[in-house]
Amino acid sequence: MKPRHPVHLAAFDYLGPYRYSLRFATSDRRAVFVTTDSVDLVWSQILRTAGEQAFAVIAYCFMPDHLHLLIEGVTADADLRRFVARAKQCSGFYYAQRTGCRLWQRYGYERVLRSDELTPVVARYILQNPVRAGLVARLEDYPFLGSGVWTLAQLLGWLAATEAHG
């Protein structure tokens, strides 16, 4: 019987300098991330937790009812499970304090990137979500995406350069 929630890889410890594509959905898939206030509140907690847990946020995109992250562990003890638990707990706590509502669904989606998966390809896929959803014509016009490592201009320049050479 298939489990009712995502299952971690049994033979993988989720520790170290690995890259992950993550998606967290809001509780009841409510459209929470439609204002700068909501996005800024959650983003500040995600970024703080990433620093504390030794992860770099390469790319992020807040869609109205979910969040995409491309992260990479920057030390040998970077622990994905701890990062996810703390990021959701901290952001959910401050969101609930402000709104009185639960922020996240219990489970999220995570994918460990294989060594042959190029980071720019995954970042581009994440950042193109608002375009694919019809929210904007160009990803540059969407206000709720970026990187914890680079400015948006640097991120888009990096993606353009890798696309031109790839």
N, C-alpha and C. Protein backbone atom coordinates (compact mmCIF):
# COMPACT_ATOMS: atom_id res chain seq x y z
N MET A 1 0.85 -1.17 0.00
CA MET A 1 0.00 0.00 0.00
C MET A 1 0.90 1.24 0.00
N LYS A 2 0.55 2.21 -0.82
CA LYS A 2 1.32 3.45 -0.93
C LYS A 2 1.06 4.33 0.29
N PRO A 3 2.14 4.89 0.88
CA PRO A 3 1.93 5.77 2.05
C PRO A 3 1.18 7.04 1.64
N ARG A 4 0.50 7.66 2.62
CA ARG A 4 -0.30 8.85 2.36
C ARG A 4 0.53 10.13 2.40
N HIS A 5 1.81 10.01 2.61
CA HIS A 5 2.69 11.17 2.66
C HIS A 5 4.01 10.84 1.99
N PRO A 6 4.78 11.84 1.59
CA PRO A 6 6.08 11.58 0.97
C PRO A 6 7.00 10.83 1.92
N VAL A 7 7.80 9.96 1.36
CA VAL A 7 8.71 9.13 2.15
C VAL A 7 10.15 9.51 1.79
N HIS A 8 11.00 9.63 2.81
CA HIS A 8 12.42 9.91 2.58
C HIS A 8 13.09 8.68 1.97
N LEU A 9 14.18 8.89 1.27
CA LEU A 9 14.97 7.79 0.73
C LEU A 9 15.59 7.02 1.88
N ALA A 10 15.39 5.71 1.91
CA ALA A 10 15.85 4.90 3.03
C ALA A 10 17.37 4.84 3.12
N ALA A 11 18.06 4.83 1.99
CA ALA A 11 19.51 4.66 1.99
C ALA A 11 20.27 5.98 1.90
N PHE A 12 19.63 7.08 2.22
CA PHE A 12 20.27 8.39 2.11
C PHE A 12 20.11 9.13 3.43
N ASP A 13 21.21 9.72 3.94
CA ASP A 13 21.14 10.32 5.27
C ASP A 13 20.79 11.82 5.28
N TYR A 14 20.72 12.46 4.10
CA TYR A 14 20.33 13.87 4.00
C TYR A 14 21.29 14.80 4.75
N LEU A 15 22.54 14.40 4.85
CA LEU A 15 23.57 15.19 5.51
C LEU A 15 24.66 15.55 4.51
N GLY A 16 25.11 16.81 4.56
CA GLY A 16 26.26 17.18 3.75
C GLY A 16 25.94 18.12 2.62
N PRO A 17 26.91 18.27 1.73
CA PRO A 17 26.82 19.28 0.66
C PRO A 17 26.02 18.81 -0.56
N TYR A 18 24.77 18.49 -0.34
CA TYR A 18 23.89 18.06 -1.42
C TYR A 18 22.94 19.18 -1.80
N ARG A 19 22.39 19.07 -3.00
CA ARG A 19 21.41 20.05 -3.48
C ARG A 19 20.03 19.41 -3.44
N TYR A 20 19.03 20.23 -3.12
CA TYR A 20 17.66 19.73 -2.99
C TYR A 20 16.69 20.71 -3.64
N SER A 21 15.70 20.15 -4.26
CA SER A 21 14.56 20.92 -4.73
C SER A 21 13.42 20.62 -3.76
N LEU A 22 12.88 21.67 -3.15
CA LEU A 22 11.84 21.52 -2.14
C LEU A 22 10.58 22.26 -2.55
N ARG A 23 9.44 21.75 -2.10
CA ARG A 23 8.17 22.45 -2.29
C ARG A 23 7.34 22.26 -1.03
N PHE A 24 6.93 23.39 -0.44
CA PHE A 24 6.06 23.38 0.72
C PHE A 24 4.74 24.01 0.32
N ALA A 25 3.64 23.32 0.55
CA ALA A 25 2.32 23.86 0.23
C ALA A 25 1.70 24.47 1.48
N THR A 26 0.92 25.52 1.26
CA THR A 26 0.23 26.15 2.38
C THR A 26 -0.92 25.27 2.86
N SER A 27 -1.30 25.46 4.11
CA SER A 27 -2.41 24.72 4.69
C SER A 27 -3.68 24.97 3.86
N ASP A 28 -4.34 23.90 3.50
CA ASP A 28 -5.57 23.95 2.69
C ASP A 28 -5.34 24.65 1.35
N ARG A 29 -4.09 24.74 0.94
CA ARG A 29 -3.68 25.37 -0.33
C ARG A 29 -4.25 26.79 -0.45
N ARG A 30 -4.30 27.49 0.70
CA ARG A 30 -4.76 28.88 0.69
C ARG A 30 -3.76 29.76 -0.04
N ALA A 31 -4.24 30.78 -0.72
CA ALA A 31 -3.40 31.75 -1.42
C ALA A 31 -2.85 32.74 -0.39
N VAL A 32 -1.75 32.37 0.24
CA VAL A 32 -1.13 33.16 1.30
C VAL A 32 -0.12 34.13 0.73
N PHE A 33 0.65 33.69 -0.26
CA PHE A 33 1.79 34.46 -0.75
C PHE A 33 1.40 35.36 -1.92
N VAL A 34 0.51 36.29 -1.60
CA VAL A 34 0.05 37.25 -2.61
C VAL A 34 0.35 38.69 -2.20
N THR A 35 0.92 38.86 -1.01
CA THR A 35 1.29 40.20 -0.55
C THR A 35 2.75 40.20 -0.13
N THR A 36 3.36 41.33 -0.25
CA THR A 36 4.76 41.48 0.15
C THR A 36 4.93 41.19 1.63
N ASP A 37 3.97 41.60 2.45
CA ASP A 37 4.08 41.36 3.90
C ASP A 37 4.19 39.88 4.22
N SER A 38 3.32 39.07 3.64
CA SER A 38 3.34 37.62 3.91
C SER A 38 4.63 36.99 3.39
N VAL A 39 5.02 37.34 2.19
CA VAL A 39 6.24 36.77 1.61
C VAL A 39 7.45 37.19 2.42
N ASP A 40 7.56 38.47 2.76
CA ASP A 40 8.71 38.95 3.52
C ASP A 40 8.81 38.27 4.89
N LEU A 41 7.69 38.08 5.56
CA LEU A 41 7.68 37.43 6.85
C LEU A 41 8.25 36.02 6.75
N VAL A 42 7.75 35.25 5.79
CA VAL A 42 8.19 33.86 5.64
C VAL A 42 9.61 33.80 5.10
N TRP A 43 9.92 34.63 4.10
CA TRP A 43 11.25 34.62 3.52
C TRP A 43 12.32 34.93 4.57
N SER A 44 12.06 35.87 5.47
CA SER A 44 13.06 36.20 6.49
C SER A 44 13.36 35.00 7.38
N GLN A 45 12.35 34.21 7.69
CA GLN A 45 12.55 33.03 8.53
C GLN A 45 13.24 31.90 7.75
N ILE A 46 12.91 31.75 6.49
CA ILE A 46 13.58 30.74 5.65
C ILE A 46 15.07 31.09 5.55
N LEU A 47 15.36 32.33 5.25
CA LEU A 47 16.74 32.77 5.08
C LEU A 47 17.53 32.65 6.40
N ARG A 48 16.91 33.03 7.50
CA ARG A 48 17.57 32.90 8.81
C ARG A 48 17.87 31.44 9.11
N THR A 49 16.90 30.58 8.89
CA THR A 49 17.09 29.15 9.15
C THR A 49 18.15 28.56 8.24
N ALA A 50 18.18 28.98 6.99
CA ALA A 50 19.21 28.49 6.07
C ALA A 50 20.60 28.83 6.60
N GLY A 51 20.78 30.04 7.08
CA GLY A 51 22.06 30.43 7.65
C GLY A 51 22.42 29.61 8.88
N GLU A 52 21.47 29.41 9.75
CA GLU A 52 21.71 28.64 10.98
C GLU A 52 21.99 27.17 10.69
N GLN A 53 21.38 26.64 9.65
CA GLN A 53 21.49 25.21 9.35
C GLN A 53 22.48 24.90 8.23
N ALA A 54 23.25 25.90 7.80
CA ALA A 54 24.32 25.72 6.81
C ALA A 54 23.80 25.33 5.43
N PHE A 55 22.79 26.07 4.97
CA PHE A 55 22.28 25.89 3.61
C PHE A 55 22.31 27.21 2.87
N ALA A 56 22.60 27.14 1.60
CA ALA A 56 22.49 28.29 0.71
C ALA A 56 21.20 28.15 -0.07
N VAL A 57 20.42 29.22 -0.14
CA VAL A 57 19.20 29.21 -0.95
C VAL A 57 19.59 29.75 -2.33
N ILE A 58 19.76 28.85 -3.26
CA ILE A 58 20.20 29.21 -4.61
C ILE A 58 19.09 29.92 -5.37
N ALA A 59 17.87 29.42 -5.22
CA ALA A 59 16.72 30.04 -5.88
C ALA A 59 15.47 29.76 -5.06
N TYR A 60 14.52 30.70 -5.13
CA TYR A 60 13.23 30.49 -4.48
C TYR A 60 12.15 31.14 -5.32
N CYS A 61 10.95 30.62 -5.16
CA CYS A 61 9.79 31.21 -5.82
C CYS A 61 8.56 30.95 -4.95
N PHE A 62 7.97 32.05 -4.46
CA PHE A 62 6.73 31.97 -3.70
C PHE A 62 5.57 32.04 -4.69
N MET A 63 4.87 30.95 -4.87
CA MET A 63 3.63 30.95 -5.63
C MET A 63 2.51 31.24 -4.64
N PRO A 64 1.31 31.60 -5.11
CA PRO A 64 0.26 31.97 -4.15
C PRO A 64 0.02 30.94 -3.04
N ASP A 65 0.07 29.65 -3.36
CA ASP A 65 -0.26 28.63 -2.36
C ASP A 65 0.87 27.64 -2.07
N HIS A 66 2.07 27.94 -2.50
CA HIS A 66 3.21 27.07 -2.18
C HIS A 66 4.53 27.81 -2.41
N LEU A 67 5.58 27.21 -1.90
CA LEU A 67 6.93 27.77 -1.99
C LEU A 67 7.86 26.74 -2.60
N HIS A 68 8.64 27.17 -3.59
CA HIS A 68 9.70 26.34 -4.17
C HIS A 68 11.04 26.86 -3.68
N LEU A 69 11.93 25.94 -3.31
CA LEU A 69 13.29 26.29 -2.91
C LEU A 69 14.28 25.37 -3.61
N LEU A 70 15.39 25.93 -4.03
CA LEU A 70 16.54 25.15 -4.47
C LEU A 70 17.63 25.50 -3.48
N ILE A 71 18.03 24.51 -2.68
CA ILE A 71 19.00 24.77 -1.63
C ILE A 71 20.18 23.81 -1.77
N GLU A 72 21.29 24.21 -1.14
CA GLU A 72 22.48 23.37 -1.14
C GLU A 72 23.14 23.44 0.22
N GLY A 73 23.48 22.27 0.77
CA GLY A 73 24.23 22.24 2.02
C GLY A 73 25.63 22.78 1.78
N VAL A 74 26.12 23.58 2.72
CA VAL A 74 27.44 24.19 2.53
C VAL A 74 28.49 23.63 3.50
N THR A 75 28.10 22.71 4.35
CA THR A 75 29.04 22.05 5.25
C THR A 75 28.72 20.56 5.28
N ALA A 76 29.64 19.78 5.84
CA ALA A 76 29.45 18.34 5.93
C ALA A 76 28.31 17.96 6.87
N ASP A 77 27.97 18.84 7.81
CA ASP A 77 26.89 18.52 8.75
C ASP A 77 25.57 19.23 8.43
N ALA A 78 25.45 19.82 7.25
CA ALA A 78 24.18 20.42 6.84
C ALA A 78 23.13 19.32 6.78
N ASP A 79 22.07 19.46 7.54
CA ASP A 79 21.06 18.41 7.72
C ASP A 79 19.73 18.88 7.12
N LEU A 80 19.35 18.28 6.01
CA LEU A 80 18.11 18.70 5.33
C LEU A 80 16.90 18.53 6.23
N ARG A 81 16.79 17.43 6.92
CA ARG A 81 15.62 17.20 7.76
C ARG A 81 15.49 18.29 8.83
N ARG A 82 16.61 18.66 9.42
CA ARG A 82 16.59 19.71 10.44
C ARG A 82 16.23 21.06 9.81
N PHE A 83 16.79 21.33 8.63
CA PHE A 83 16.47 22.58 7.94
C PHE A 83 14.97 22.68 7.67
N VAL A 84 14.39 21.64 7.08
CA VAL A 84 12.97 21.67 6.73
C VAL A 84 12.12 21.85 7.98
N ALA A 85 12.41 21.09 9.02
CA ALA A 85 11.62 21.19 10.25
C ALA A 85 11.70 22.60 10.85
N ARG A 86 12.91 23.14 10.94
CA ARG A 86 13.08 24.48 11.53
C ARG A 86 12.49 25.58 10.65
N ALA A 87 12.70 25.48 9.34
CA ALA A 87 12.19 26.51 8.43
C ALA A 87 10.66 26.58 8.50
N LYS A 88 10.02 25.42 8.47
CA LYS A 88 8.56 25.40 8.54
C LYS A 88 8.06 25.81 9.92
N GLN A 89 8.77 25.35 10.97
CA GLN A 89 8.35 25.69 12.33
C GLN A 89 8.47 27.19 12.58
N CYS A 90 9.61 27.77 12.27
CA CYS A 90 9.83 29.20 12.54
C CYS A 90 8.91 30.09 11.70
N SER A 91 8.85 29.82 10.41
CA SER A 91 7.99 30.65 9.56
C SER A 91 6.52 30.47 9.94
N GLY A 92 6.14 29.24 10.25
CA GLY A 92 4.76 28.98 10.65
C GLY A 92 4.40 29.66 11.96
N PHE A 93 5.35 29.68 12.90
CA PHE A 93 5.11 30.33 14.19
C PHE A 93 4.84 31.83 14.00
N TYR A 94 5.73 32.50 13.28
CA TYR A 94 5.56 33.95 13.11
C TYR A 94 4.35 34.28 12.25
N TYR A 95 4.05 33.44 11.29
CA TYR A 95 2.85 33.66 10.48
C TYR A 95 1.59 33.52 11.35
N ALA A 96 1.56 32.48 12.18
CA ALA A 96 0.40 32.26 13.05
C ALA A 96 0.26 33.39 14.06
N GLN A 97 1.38 33.90 14.57
CA GLN A 97 1.31 35.04 15.49
C GLN A 97 0.65 36.23 14.82
N ARG A 98 0.98 36.46 13.58
CA ARG A 98 0.46 37.63 12.87
C ARG A 98 -0.98 37.42 12.41
N THR A 99 -1.34 36.21 11.99
CA THR A 99 -2.64 36.00 11.34
C THR A 99 -3.61 35.14 12.13
N GLY A 100 -3.09 34.34 13.06
CA GLY A 100 -3.95 33.39 13.77
C GLY A 100 -4.24 32.15 12.96
N CYS A 101 -3.57 31.97 11.82
CA CYS A 101 -3.82 30.83 10.93
C CYS A 101 -2.58 29.95 10.80
N ARG A 102 -2.83 28.69 10.54
CA ARG A 102 -1.76 27.75 10.26
C ARG A 102 -1.20 28.04 8.87
N LEU A 103 0.12 27.95 8.70
CA LEU A 103 0.73 28.28 7.43
C LEU A 103 0.90 27.07 6.52
N TRP A 104 1.51 26.00 7.00
CA TRP A 104 1.96 24.92 6.11
C TRP A 104 1.13 23.65 6.23
N GLN A 105 1.07 22.92 5.14
CA GLN A 105 0.62 21.53 5.19
C GLN A 105 1.68 20.75 5.94
N ARG A 106 1.30 19.61 6.48
CA ARG A 106 2.24 18.84 7.30
C ARG A 106 3.43 18.36 6.49
N TYR A 107 3.20 17.81 5.32
CA TYR A 107 4.30 17.24 4.55
C TYR A 107 4.64 18.15 3.37
N GLY A 108 5.86 18.03 2.91
CA GLY A 108 6.29 18.76 1.73
C GLY A 108 6.86 17.78 0.73
N TYR A 109 7.41 18.32 -0.31
CA TYR A 109 8.03 17.51 -1.35
C TYR A 109 9.51 17.86 -1.38
N GLU A 110 10.35 16.84 -1.44
CA GLU A 110 11.78 17.09 -1.56
C GLU A 110 12.35 16.16 -2.61
N ARG A 111 13.32 16.66 -3.33
CA ARG A 111 14.02 15.83 -4.30
C ARG A 111 15.50 16.12 -4.17
N VAL A 112 16.28 15.06 -3.97
CA VAL A 112 17.72 15.18 -3.93
C VAL A 112 18.18 15.25 -5.39
N LEU A 113 18.93 16.28 -5.71
CA LEU A 113 19.42 16.40 -7.09
C LEU A 113 20.60 15.45 -7.29
N ARG A 114 20.56 14.76 -8.41
CA ARG A 114 21.66 13.87 -8.78
C ARG A 114 22.85 14.70 -9.22
N SER A 115 24.01 14.11 -9.19
CA SER A 115 25.22 14.84 -9.55
C SER A 115 25.20 15.31 -11.00
N ASP A 116 24.45 14.61 -11.87
CA ASP A 116 24.41 15.01 -13.28
C ASP A 116 23.32 16.06 -13.57
N GLU A 117 22.54 16.44 -12.56
CA GLU A 117 21.53 17.48 -12.75
C GLU A 117 22.17 18.84 -12.56
N LEU A 118 22.08 19.67 -13.56
CA LEU A 118 22.71 20.98 -13.51
C LEU A 118 21.88 21.95 -12.68
N THR A 119 22.54 22.62 -11.76
CA THR A 119 21.88 23.58 -10.88
C THR A 119 21.12 24.65 -11.65
N PRO A 120 21.71 25.25 -12.72
CA PRO A 120 20.96 26.28 -13.44
C PRO A 120 19.67 25.78 -14.09
N VAL A 121 19.65 24.54 -14.51
CA VAL A 121 18.45 23.98 -15.12
C VAL A 121 17.32 23.90 -14.09
N VAL A 122 17.66 23.43 -12.90
CA VAL A 122 16.66 23.32 -11.83
C VAL A 122 16.23 24.71 -11.37
N ALA A 123 17.18 25.62 -11.23
CA ALA A 123 16.84 26.99 -10.82
C ALA A 123 15.92 27.64 -11.84
N ARG A 124 16.22 27.47 -13.11
CA ARG A 124 15.38 28.06 -14.17
C ARG A 124 13.97 27.48 -14.09
N TYR A 125 13.86 26.17 -13.88
CA TYR A 125 12.55 25.53 -13.78
C TYR A 125 11.75 26.14 -12.62
N ILE A 126 12.39 26.30 -11.47
CA ILE A 126 11.71 26.87 -10.30
C ILE A 126 11.26 28.30 -10.58
N LEU A 127 12.15 29.10 -11.14
CA LEU A 127 11.84 30.51 -11.37
C LEU A 127 10.80 30.73 -12.47
N GLN A 128 10.66 29.77 -13.36
CA GLN A 128 9.67 29.90 -14.44
C GLN A 128 8.25 29.54 -14.00
N ASN A 129 8.07 29.10 -12.77
CA ASN A 129 6.73 28.71 -12.29
C ASN A 129 5.67 29.78 -12.50
N PRO A 130 5.90 31.04 -12.17
CA PRO A 130 4.85 32.05 -12.38
C PRO A 130 4.51 32.26 -13.85
N VAL A 131 5.48 32.08 -14.74
CA VAL A 131 5.23 32.20 -16.17
C VAL A 131 4.36 31.03 -16.63
N ARG A 132 4.74 29.80 -16.23
CA ARG A 132 3.96 28.62 -16.61
C ARG A 132 2.54 28.69 -16.07
N ALA A 133 2.37 29.29 -14.88
CA ALA A 133 1.03 29.41 -14.27
C ALA A 133 0.23 30.56 -14.86
N GLY A 134 0.84 31.35 -15.73
CA GLY A 134 0.13 32.47 -16.34
C GLY A 134 -0.01 33.69 -15.45
N LEU A 135 0.80 33.77 -14.39
CA LEU A 135 0.73 34.93 -13.49
C LEU A 135 1.44 36.15 -14.06
N VAL A 136 2.48 35.92 -14.86
CA VAL A 136 3.24 36.97 -15.53
C VAL A 136 3.71 36.45 -16.88
N ALA A 137 4.05 37.37 -17.76
CA ALA A 137 4.59 36.98 -19.07
C ALA A 137 6.10 36.71 -19.00
N ARG A 138 6.78 37.45 -18.12
CA ARG A 138 8.23 37.30 -17.96
C ARG A 138 8.55 37.11 -16.49
N LEU A 139 9.45 36.22 -16.17
CA LEU A 139 9.75 35.97 -14.76
C LEU A 139 10.29 37.21 -14.07
N GLU A 140 10.92 38.12 -14.81
CA GLU A 140 11.43 39.36 -14.23
C GLU A 140 10.31 40.23 -13.66
N ASP A 141 9.07 39.99 -14.10
CA ASP A 141 7.94 40.78 -13.63
C ASP A 141 7.28 40.23 -12.37
N TYR A 142 7.72 39.06 -11.92
CA TYR A 142 7.12 38.44 -10.74
C TYR A 142 7.87 38.90 -9.50
N PRO A 143 7.18 39.42 -8.50
CA PRO A 143 7.88 40.03 -7.36
C PRO A 143 8.39 39.05 -6.29
N PHE A 144 7.97 37.78 -6.34
CA PHE A 144 8.24 36.90 -5.21
C PHE A 144 9.18 35.76 -5.56
N LEU A 145 10.28 36.08 -6.22
CA LEU A 145 11.29 35.08 -6.54
C LEU A 145 12.66 35.69 -6.42
N GLY A 146 13.66 34.84 -6.33
CA GLY A 146 15.02 35.35 -6.20
C GLY A 146 15.97 34.30 -5.68
N SER A 147 16.96 34.76 -4.91
CA SER A 147 18.02 33.91 -4.39
C SER A 147 18.48 34.47 -3.06
N GLY A 148 18.94 33.61 -2.19
CA GLY A 148 19.57 34.04 -0.97
C GLY A 148 21.07 34.24 -1.14
N VAL A 149 21.56 33.93 -2.33
CA VAL A 149 22.99 33.99 -2.62
C VAL A 149 23.31 35.20 -3.49
N TRP A 150 22.46 35.48 -4.47
CA TRP A 150 22.70 36.54 -5.44
C TRP A 150 21.53 37.51 -5.47
N THR A 151 21.77 38.70 -6.01
CA THR A 151 20.67 39.60 -6.31
C THR A 151 19.88 38.98 -7.46
N LEU A 152 18.69 39.47 -7.69
CA LEU A 152 17.90 38.95 -8.81
C LEU A 152 18.61 39.18 -10.13
N ALA A 153 19.21 40.36 -10.30
CA ALA A 153 19.94 40.65 -11.54
C ALA A 153 21.10 39.67 -11.74
N GLN A 154 21.84 39.37 -10.68
CA GLN A 154 22.95 38.42 -10.78
C GLN A 154 22.42 37.02 -11.11
N LEU A 155 21.34 36.62 -10.45
CA LEU A 155 20.75 35.30 -10.69
C LEU A 155 20.30 35.17 -12.14
N LEU A 156 19.59 36.17 -12.64
CA LEU A 156 19.11 36.12 -14.02
C LEU A 156 20.28 36.17 -15.00
N GLY A 157 21.31 36.93 -14.68
CA GLY A 157 22.50 36.96 -15.52
C GLY A 157 23.20 35.61 -15.57
N TRP A 158 23.31 34.97 -14.43
CA TRP A 158 23.91 33.63 -14.34
C TRP A 158 23.10 32.64 -15.19
N LEU A 159 21.78 32.69 -15.05
CA LEU A 159 20.94 31.77 -15.83
C LEU A 159 21.06 32.04 -17.32
N ALA A 160 21.09 33.31 -17.71
CA ALA A 160 21.23 33.66 -19.13
C ALA A 160 22.59 33.18 -19.67
N ALA A 161 23.64 33.35 -18.88
CA ALA A 161 24.98 32.92 -19.33
C ALA A 161 25.06 31.41 -19.46
N THR A 162 24.45 30.68 -18.52
CA THR A 162 24.51 29.22 -18.61
C THR A 162 23.63 28.70 -19.74
N GLU A 163 22.54 29.40 -20.03
CA GLU A 163 21.68 29.01 -21.14
C GLU A 163 22.40 29.25 -22.46
N ALA A 164 23.13 30.36 -22.58
CA ALA A 164 23.86 30.67 -23.80
C ALA A 164 24.99 29.68 -24.07
N HIS A 165 25.56 29.12 -22.99
CA HIS A 165 26.67 28.18 -23.15
C HIS A 165 26.24 26.73 -23.05
N GLY A 166 24.97 26.50 -22.81
CA GLY A 166 24.54 25.13 -22.56
C GLY A 166 23.71 24.60 -23.64
